[in-house]
Structure formats: structure tokens, C-alpha cells
Amino acid sequence: MAENEQPGNNKEGKAISAYAKYTGMAFQMIAIIGIFAFAGYKIDEAAHHDTQWVTAVLSLAGVFISLFIVIRSVKN
């Protein structure tokens, strides 16, 4: 019976590991985009811009950077 449990635990361990990996990547994406958006907001606030272009540009840059990091880590 111990032999039957071993492969099941291995599959379960791999599933949990994959779940943790992809959950971590999601939080990493949120953090990167959030930091870039916050930096853009502060720059727009300090410069007294009517339209928040810096926030939009830095948020978009954060999205591209986070996607690059996710794609690079999925390839590995």
C-alpha cells in the first residue's frame, strides 16, 4: 500500500509546486505593474499634469516588463 501512495504524493507534490509557482508569478506581475503605476502617479502629481500620461506610459511599461518576466520563466 505504501508503494501506491508514493506516486500519488509525487503527482500531488508537483501539482502544488506548479500552483505555487504560477500564483507567485501572478503576485509578481501585480507588484511590478503596481510599482510602475504608483511611480507614474507620483511623477504626474509632482509635475501637476492635467492628463496623467506618465502614469499611463509607466503602467504599460510595467505590463510589458511583467509579461516578459513571466514568458521567460515559463520557458524555463
PDB file of N, CA and C in Angstrom:
ATOM      1  N   MET A   1       0.814  -1.185   0.000  1.00  0.00           N
ATOM      2  CA  MET A   1       0.000   0.000   0.000  1.00  0.00           C
ATOM      3  C   MET A   1       0.862   1.254   0.000  1.00  0.00           C
ATOM      4  N   ALA A   2       2.013   1.208   0.646  1.00  0.00           N
ATOM      5  CA  ALA A   2       2.913   2.362   0.662  1.00  0.00           C
ATOM      6  C   ALA A   2       3.427   2.663  -0.743  1.00  0.00           C
ATOM      7  N   GLU A   3       3.566   1.615  -1.555  1.00  0.00           N
ATOM      8  CA  GLU A   3       4.022   1.819  -2.917  1.00  0.00           C
ATOM      9  C   GLU A   3       2.975   2.580  -3.734  1.00  0.00           C
ATOM     10  N   ASN A   4       1.709   2.323  -3.485  1.00  0.00           N
ATOM     11  CA  ASN A   4       0.649   3.013  -4.218  1.00  0.00           C
ATOM     12  C   ASN A   4       0.543   4.484  -3.817  1.00  0.00           C
ATOM     13  N   GLU A   5       0.848   4.787  -2.579  1.00  0.00           N
ATOM     14  CA  GLU A   5       0.751   6.160  -2.112  1.00  0.00           C
ATOM     15  C   GLU A   5       1.894   7.029  -2.639  1.00  0.00           C
ATOM     16  N   GLN A   6       3.037   6.452  -2.862  1.00  0.00           N
ATOM     17  CA  GLN A   6       4.204   7.226  -3.287  1.00  0.00           C
ATOM     18  C   GLN A   6       4.001   7.955  -4.608  1.00  0.00           C
ATOM     19  N   PRO A   7       3.539   7.302  -5.677  1.00  0.00           N
ATOM     20  CA  PRO A   7       3.335   8.041  -6.923  1.00  0.00           C
ATOM     21  C   PRO A   7       2.259   9.112  -6.789  1.00  0.00           C
ATOM     22  N   GLY A   8       1.213   8.844  -6.029  1.00  0.00           N
ATOM     23  CA  GLY A   8       0.163   9.838  -5.833  1.00  0.00           C
ATOM     24  C   GLY A   8       0.695  11.067  -5.127  1.00  0.00           C
ATOM     25  N   ASN A   9       1.527  10.875  -4.131  1.00  0.00           N
ATOM     26  CA  ASN A   9       2.106  12.000  -3.420  1.00  0.00           C
ATOM     27  C   ASN A   9       3.039  12.792  -4.321  1.00  0.00           C
ATOM     28  N   ASN A  10       3.754  12.097  -5.195  1.00  0.00           N
ATOM     29  CA  ASN A  10       4.653  12.768  -6.121  1.00  0.00           C
ATOM     30  C   ASN A  10       3.868  13.651  -7.084  1.00  0.00           C
ATOM     31  N   LYS A  11       2.757  13.149  -7.615  1.00  0.00           N
ATOM     32  CA  LYS A  11       1.918  13.931  -8.516  1.00  0.00           C
ATOM     33  C   LYS A  11       1.297  15.107  -7.774  1.00  0.00           C
ATOM     34  N   GLU A  12       0.874  14.852  -6.555  1.00  0.00           N
ATOM     35  CA  GLU A  12       0.275  15.925  -5.752  1.00  0.00           C
ATOM     36  C   GLU A  12       1.312  16.987  -5.417  1.00  0.00           C
ATOM     37  N   GLY A  13       2.516  16.551  -5.130  1.00  0.00           N
ATOM     38  CA  GLY A  13       3.593  17.492  -4.840  1.00  0.00           C
ATOM     39  C   GLY A  13       3.942  18.351  -6.044  1.00  0.00           C
ATOM     40  N   LYS A  14       3.939  17.752  -7.226  1.00  0.00           N
ATOM     41  CA  LYS A  14       4.212  18.502  -8.448  1.00  0.00           C
ATOM     42  C   LYS A  14       3.091  19.502  -8.732  1.00  0.00           C
ATOM     43  N   ALA A  15       1.844  19.094  -8.476  1.00  0.00           N
ATOM     44  CA  ALA A  15       0.711  19.988  -8.708  1.00  0.00           C
ATOM     45  C   ALA A  15       0.764  21.182  -7.762  1.00  0.00           C
ATOM     46  N   ILE A  16       1.083  20.928  -6.516  1.00  0.00           N
ATOM     47  CA  ILE A  16       1.189  22.008  -5.541  1.00  0.00           C
ATOM     48  C   ILE A  16       2.350  22.924  -5.903  1.00  0.00           C
ATOM     49  N   SER A  17       3.445  22.361  -6.345  1.00  0.00           N
ATOM     50  CA  SER A  17       4.609  23.152  -6.750  1.00  0.00           C
ATOM     51  C   SER A  17       4.271  24.045  -7.944  1.00  0.00           C
ATOM     52  N   ALA A  18       3.575  23.498  -8.922  1.00  0.00           N
ATOM     53  CA  ALA A  18       3.176  24.290 -10.095  1.00  0.00           C
ATOM     54  C   ALA A  18       2.195  25.381  -9.695  1.00  0.00           C
ATOM     55  N   TYR A  19       1.263  25.043  -8.812  1.00  0.00           N
ATOM     56  CA  TYR A  19       0.293  26.032  -8.332  1.00  0.00           C
ATOM     57  C   TYR A  19       1.005  27.170  -7.622  1.00  0.00           C
ATOM     58  N   ALA A  20       1.953  26.846  -6.776  1.00  0.00           N
ATOM     59  CA  ALA A  20       2.701  27.871  -6.046  1.00  0.00           C
ATOM     60  C   ALA A  20       3.530  28.723  -7.005  1.00  0.00           C
ATOM     61  N   LYS A  21       4.110  28.089  -8.009  1.00  0.00           N
ATOM     62  CA  LYS A  21       4.927  28.818  -8.977  1.00  0.00           C
ATOM     63  C   LYS A  21       4.092  29.849  -9.735  1.00  0.00           C
ATOM     64  N   TYR A  22       2.940  29.435 -10.248  1.00  0.00           N
ATOM     65  CA  TYR A  22       2.121  30.335 -11.048  1.00  0.00           C
ATOM     66  C   TYR A  22       1.404  31.373 -10.192  1.00  0.00           C
ATOM     67  N   THR A  23       1.066  31.028  -8.962  1.00  0.00           N
ATOM     68  CA  THR A  23       0.492  32.012  -8.053  1.00  0.00           C
ATOM     69  C   THR A  23       1.532  33.073  -7.726  1.00  0.00           C
ATOM     70  N   GLY A  24       2.750  32.640  -7.510  1.00  0.00           N
ATOM     71  CA  GLY A  24       3.834  33.584  -7.250  1.00  0.00           C
ATOM     72  C   GLY A  24       4.075  34.513  -8.422  1.00  0.00           C
ATOM     73  N   MET A  25       3.970  33.980  -9.635  1.00  0.00           N
ATOM     74  CA  MET A  25       4.148  34.825 -10.819  1.00  0.00           C
ATOM     75  C   MET A  25       3.034  35.868 -10.924  1.00  0.00           C
ATOM     76  N   ALA A  26       1.820  35.489 -10.548  1.00  0.00           N
ATOM     77  CA  ALA A  26       0.707  36.443 -10.597  1.00  0.00           C
ATOM     78  C   ALA A  26       0.941  37.587  -9.615  1.00  0.00           C
ATOM     79  N   PHE A  27       1.378  37.261  -8.410  1.00  0.00           N
ATOM     80  CA  PHE A  27       1.659  38.305  -7.431  1.00  0.00           C
ATOM     81  C   PHE A  27       2.830  39.171  -7.869  1.00  0.00           C
ATOM     82  N   GLN A  28       3.792  38.565  -8.524  1.00  0.00           N
ATOM     83  CA  GLN A  28       4.937  39.318  -9.037  1.00  0.00           C
ATOM     84  C   GLN A  28       4.473  40.296 -10.121  1.00  0.00           C
ATOM     85  N   MET A  29       3.586  39.859 -10.998  1.00  0.00           N
ATOM     86  CA  MET A  29       3.048  40.747 -12.028  1.00  0.00           C
ATOM     87  C   MET A  29       2.296  41.915 -11.401  1.00  0.00           C
ATOM     88  N   ILE A  30       1.463  41.618 -10.410  1.00  0.00           N
ATOM     89  CA  ILE A  30       0.705  42.670  -9.731  1.00  0.00           C
ATOM     90  C   ILE A  30       1.646  43.677  -9.094  1.00  0.00           C
ATOM     91  N   ALA A  31       2.697  43.180  -8.458  1.00  0.00           N
ATOM     92  CA  ALA A  31       3.648  44.077  -7.793  1.00  0.00           C
ATOM     93  C   ALA A  31       4.378  44.965  -8.799  1.00  0.00           C
ATOM     94  N   ILE A  32       4.846  44.393  -9.888  1.00  0.00           N
ATOM     95  CA  ILE A  32       5.584  45.172 -10.891  1.00  0.00           C
ATOM     96  C   ILE A  32       4.691  46.244 -11.503  1.00  0.00           C
ATOM     97  N   ILE A  33       3.489  45.864 -11.912  1.00  0.00           N
ATOM     98  CA  ILE A  33       2.576  46.836 -12.517  1.00  0.00           C
ATOM     99  C   ILE A  33       2.191  47.902 -11.501  1.00  0.00           C
ATOM    100  N   GLY A  34       1.945  47.501 -10.280  1.00  0.00           N
ATOM    101  CA  GLY A  34       1.583  48.452  -9.230  1.00  0.00           C
ATOM    102  C   GLY A  34       2.680  49.447  -8.928  1.00  0.00           C
ATOM    103  N   ILE A  35       3.907  48.982  -8.861  1.00  0.00           N
ATOM    104  CA  ILE A  35       5.041  49.874  -8.587  1.00  0.00           C
ATOM    105  C   ILE A  35       5.216  50.882  -9.717  1.00  0.00           C
ATOM    106  N   PHE A  36       5.132  50.410 -10.955  1.00  0.00           N
ATOM    107  CA  PHE A  36       5.284  51.315 -12.092  1.00  0.00           C
ATOM    108  C   PHE A  36       4.137  52.330 -12.147  1.00  0.00           C
ATOM    109  N   ALA A  37       2.908  51.878 -11.888  1.00  0.00           N
ATOM    110  CA  ALA A  37       1.762  52.792 -11.904  1.00  0.00           C
ATOM    111  C   ALA A  37       1.876  53.820 -10.783  1.00  0.00           C
ATOM    112  N   PHE A  38       2.301  53.385  -9.608  1.00  0.00           N
ATOM    113  CA  PHE A  38       2.463  54.308  -8.485  1.00  0.00           C
ATOM    114  C   PHE A  38       3.545  55.341  -8.776  1.00  0.00           C
ATOM    115  N   ALA A  39       4.641  54.899  -9.362  1.00  0.00           N
ATOM    116  CA  ALA A  39       5.717  55.831  -9.720  1.00  0.00           C
ATOM    117  C   ALA A  39       5.216  56.846 -10.745  1.00  0.00           C
ATOM    118  N   GLY A  40       4.463  56.393 -11.731  1.00  0.00           N
ATOM    119  CA  GLY A  40       3.907  57.307 -12.723  1.00  0.00           C
ATOM    120  C   GLY A  40       2.938  58.292 -12.105  1.00  0.00           C
ATOM    121  N   TYR A  41       2.125  57.814 -11.179  1.00  0.00           N
ATOM    122  CA  TYR A  41       1.174  58.693 -10.489  1.00  0.00           C
ATOM    123  C   TYR A  41       1.907  59.778  -9.711  1.00  0.00           C
ATOM    124  N   LYS A  42       2.957  59.388  -8.992  1.00  0.00           N
ATOM    125  CA  LYS A  42       3.722  60.364  -8.210  1.00  0.00           C
ATOM    126  C   LYS A  42       4.418  61.376  -9.119  1.00  0.00           C
ATOM    127  N   ILE A  43       4.932  60.933 -10.254  1.00  0.00           N
ATOM    128  CA  ILE A  43       5.579  61.855 -11.188  1.00  0.00           C
ATOM    129  C   ILE A  43       4.555  62.831 -11.744  1.00  0.00           C
ATOM    130  N   ASP A  44       3.383  62.334 -12.137  1.00  0.00           N
ATOM    131  CA  ASP A  44       2.328  63.215 -12.640  1.00  0.00           C
ATOM    132  C   ASP A  44       1.862  64.199 -11.564  1.00  0.00           C
ATOM    133  N   GLU A  45       1.772  63.711 -10.349  1.00  0.00           N
ATOM    134  CA  GLU A  45       1.348  64.565  -9.246  1.00  0.00           C
ATOM    135  C   GLU A  45       2.366  65.677  -8.982  1.00  0.00           C
ATOM    136  N   ALA A  46       3.642  65.334  -9.012  1.00  0.00           N
ATOM    137  CA  ALA A  46       4.692  66.318  -8.762  1.00  0.00           C
ATOM    138  C   ALA A  46       4.796  67.333  -9.898  1.00  0.00           C
ATOM    139  N   ALA A  47       4.523  66.906 -11.122  1.00  0.00           N
ATOM    140  CA  ALA A  47       4.639  67.789 -12.282  1.00  0.00           C
ATOM    141  C   ALA A  47       3.342  68.548 -12.566  1.00  0.00           C
ATOM    142  N   HIS A  48       2.279  68.254 -11.822  1.00  0.00           N
ATOM    143  CA  HIS A  48       0.976  68.913 -11.985  1.00  0.00           C
ATOM    144  C   HIS A  48       0.433  68.778 -13.405  1.00  0.00           C
ATOM    145  N   HIS A  49       0.511  67.571 -13.948  1.00  0.00           N
ATOM    146  CA  HIS A  49      -0.032  67.324 -15.285  1.00  0.00           C
ATOM    147  C   HIS A  49      -1.548  67.236 -15.217  1.00  0.00           C
ATOM    148  N   ASP A  50      -2.225  67.821 -16.212  1.00  0.00           N
ATOM    149  CA  ASP A  50      -3.682  67.702 -16.291  1.00  0.00           C
ATOM    150  C   ASP A  50      -4.078  66.286 -16.729  1.00  0.00           C
ATOM    151  N   THR A  51      -3.395  65.787 -17.733  1.00  0.00           N
ATOM    152  CA  THR A  51      -3.609  64.423 -18.201  1.00  0.00           C
ATOM    153  C   THR A  51      -2.467  63.563 -17.677  1.00  0.00           C
ATOM    154  N   GLN A  52      -2.811  62.414 -17.133  1.00  0.00           N
ATOM    155  CA  GLN A  52      -1.799  61.575 -16.485  1.00  0.00           C
ATOM    156  C   GLN A  52      -1.137  60.637 -17.494  1.00  0.00           C
ATOM    157  N   TRP A  53      -0.352  61.223 -18.379  1.00  0.00           N
ATOM    158  CA  TRP A  53       0.334  60.452 -19.415  1.00  0.00           C
ATOM    159  C   TRP A  53       1.450  59.595 -18.843  1.00  0.00           C
ATOM    160  N   VAL A  54       2.167  60.118 -17.882  1.00  0.00           N
ATOM    161  CA  VAL A  54       3.294  59.361 -17.311  1.00  0.00           C
ATOM    162  C   VAL A  54       2.773  58.111 -16.614  1.00  0.00           C
ATOM    163  N   THR A  55       1.652  58.239 -15.913  1.00  0.00           N
ATOM    164  CA  THR A  55       1.045  57.072 -15.259  1.00  0.00           C
ATOM    165  C   THR A  55       0.665  56.021 -16.294  1.00  0.00           C
ATOM    166  N   ALA A  56       0.058  56.450 -17.379  1.00  0.00           N
ATOM    167  CA  ALA A  56      -0.355  55.508 -18.428  1.00  0.00           C
ATOM    168  C   ALA A  56       0.854  54.824 -19.062  1.00  0.00           C
ATOM    169  N   VAL A  57       1.882  55.606 -19.371  1.00  0.00           N
ATOM    170  CA  VAL A  57       3.071  55.043 -20.033  1.00  0.00           C
ATOM    171  C   VAL A  57       3.803  54.080 -19.109  1.00  0.00           C
ATOM    172  N   LEU A  58       3.991  54.474 -17.850  1.00  0.00           N
ATOM    173  CA  LEU A  58       4.705  53.593 -16.925  1.00  0.00           C
ATOM    174  C   LEU A  58       3.880  52.358 -16.575  1.00  0.00           C
ATOM    175  N   SER A  59       2.565  52.479 -16.513  1.00  0.00           N
ATOM    176  CA  SER A  59       1.730  51.298 -16.281  1.00  0.00           C
ATOM    177  C   SER A  59       1.858  50.313 -17.435  1.00  0.00           C
ATOM    178  N   LEU A  60       1.841  50.837 -18.646  1.00  0.00           N
ATOM    179  CA  LEU A  60       2.003  49.982 -19.821  1.00  0.00           C
ATOM    180  C   LEU A  60       3.395  49.351 -19.849  1.00  0.00           C
ATOM    181  N   ALA A  61       4.403  50.115 -19.477  1.00  0.00           N
ATOM    182  CA  ALA A  61       5.764  49.557 -19.399  1.00  0.00           C
ATOM    183  C   ALA A  61       5.818  48.444 -18.353  1.00  0.00           C
ATOM    184  N   GLY A  62       5.137  48.638 -17.234  1.00  0.00           N
ATOM    185  CA  GLY A  62       5.085  47.601 -16.196  1.00  0.00           C
ATOM    186  C   GLY A  62       4.421  46.336 -16.698  1.00  0.00           C
ATOM    187  N   VAL A  63       3.378  46.480 -17.495  1.00  0.00           N
ATOM    188  CA  VAL A  63       2.702  45.307 -18.067  1.00  0.00           C
ATOM    189  C   VAL A  63       3.654  44.547 -18.988  1.00  0.00           C
ATOM    190  N   PHE A  64       4.344  45.271 -19.866  1.00  0.00           N
ATOM    191  CA  PHE A  64       5.267  44.604 -20.786  1.00  0.00           C
ATOM    192  C   PHE A  64       6.429  43.943 -20.051  1.00  0.00           C
ATOM    193  N   ILE A  65       6.969  44.608 -19.056  1.00  0.00           N
ATOM    194  CA  ILE A  65       8.072  44.025 -18.285  1.00  0.00           C
ATOM    195  C   ILE A  65       7.605  42.781 -17.544  1.00  0.00           C
ATOM    196  N   SER A  66       6.432  42.844 -16.932  1.00  0.00           N
ATOM    197  CA  SER A  66       5.940  41.678 -16.194  1.00  0.00           C
ATOM    198  C   SER A  66       5.635  40.518 -17.144  1.00  0.00           C
ATOM    199  N   LEU A  67       5.095  40.803 -18.319  1.00  0.00           N
ATOM    200  CA  LEU A  67       4.864  39.739 -19.297  1.00  0.00           C
ATOM    201  C   LEU A  67       6.169  39.120 -19.777  1.00  0.00           C
ATOM    202  N   PHE A  68       7.178  39.958 -19.978  1.00  0.00           N
ATOM    203  CA  PHE A  68       8.491  39.446 -20.371  1.00  0.00           C
ATOM    204  C   PHE A  68       9.040  38.504 -19.311  1.00  0.00           C
ATOM    205  N   ILE A  69       8.921  38.882 -18.055  1.00  0.00           N
ATOM    206  CA  ILE A  69       9.431  38.053 -16.961  1.00  0.00           C
ATOM    207  C   ILE A  69       8.652  36.741 -16.884  1.00  0.00           C
ATOM    208  N   VAL A  70       7.341  36.798 -17.051  1.00  0.00           N
ATOM    209  CA  VAL A  70       6.521  35.580 -16.996  1.00  0.00           C
ATOM    210  C   VAL A  70       6.869  34.656 -18.156  1.00  0.00           C
ATOM    211  N   ILE A  71       6.968  35.181 -19.350  1.00  0.00           N
ATOM    212  CA  ILE A  71       7.286  34.349 -20.514  1.00  0.00           C
ATOM    213  C   ILE A  71       8.660  33.725 -20.355  1.00  0.00           C
ATOM    214  N   ARG A  72       9.614  34.495 -19.873  1.00  0.00           N
ATOM    215  CA  ARG A  72      10.964  33.966 -19.668  1.00  0.00           C
ATOM    216  C   ARG A  72      10.968  32.858 -18.625  1.00  0.00           C
ATOM    217  N   SER A  73      10.181  32.998 -17.563  1.00  0.00           N
ATOM    218  CA  SER A  73      10.192  31.978 -16.528  1.00  0.00           C
ATOM    219  C   SER A  73       9.375  30.745 -16.924  1.00  0.00           C
ATOM    220  N   VAL A  74       8.368  30.906 -17.779  1.00  0.00           N
ATOM    221  CA  VAL A  74       7.600  29.750 -18.262  1.00  0.00           C
ATOM    222  C   VAL A  74       8.446  28.922 -19.219  1.00  0.00           C
ATOM    223  N   LYS A  75       9.287  29.581 -20.019  1.00  0.00           N
ATOM    224  CA  LYS A  75      10.160  28.846 -20.938  1.00  0.00           C
ATOM    225  C   LYS A  75      11.118  27.920 -20.191  1.00  0.00           C
ATOM    226  N   ASN A  76      11.560  28.375 -19.037  1.00  0.00           N
ATOM    227  CA  ASN A  76      12.484  27.551 -18.244  1.00  0.00           C
ATOM    228  C   ASN A  76      11.663  26.518 -17.547  1.00  0.00           C
TER     229      ASN A  76
END
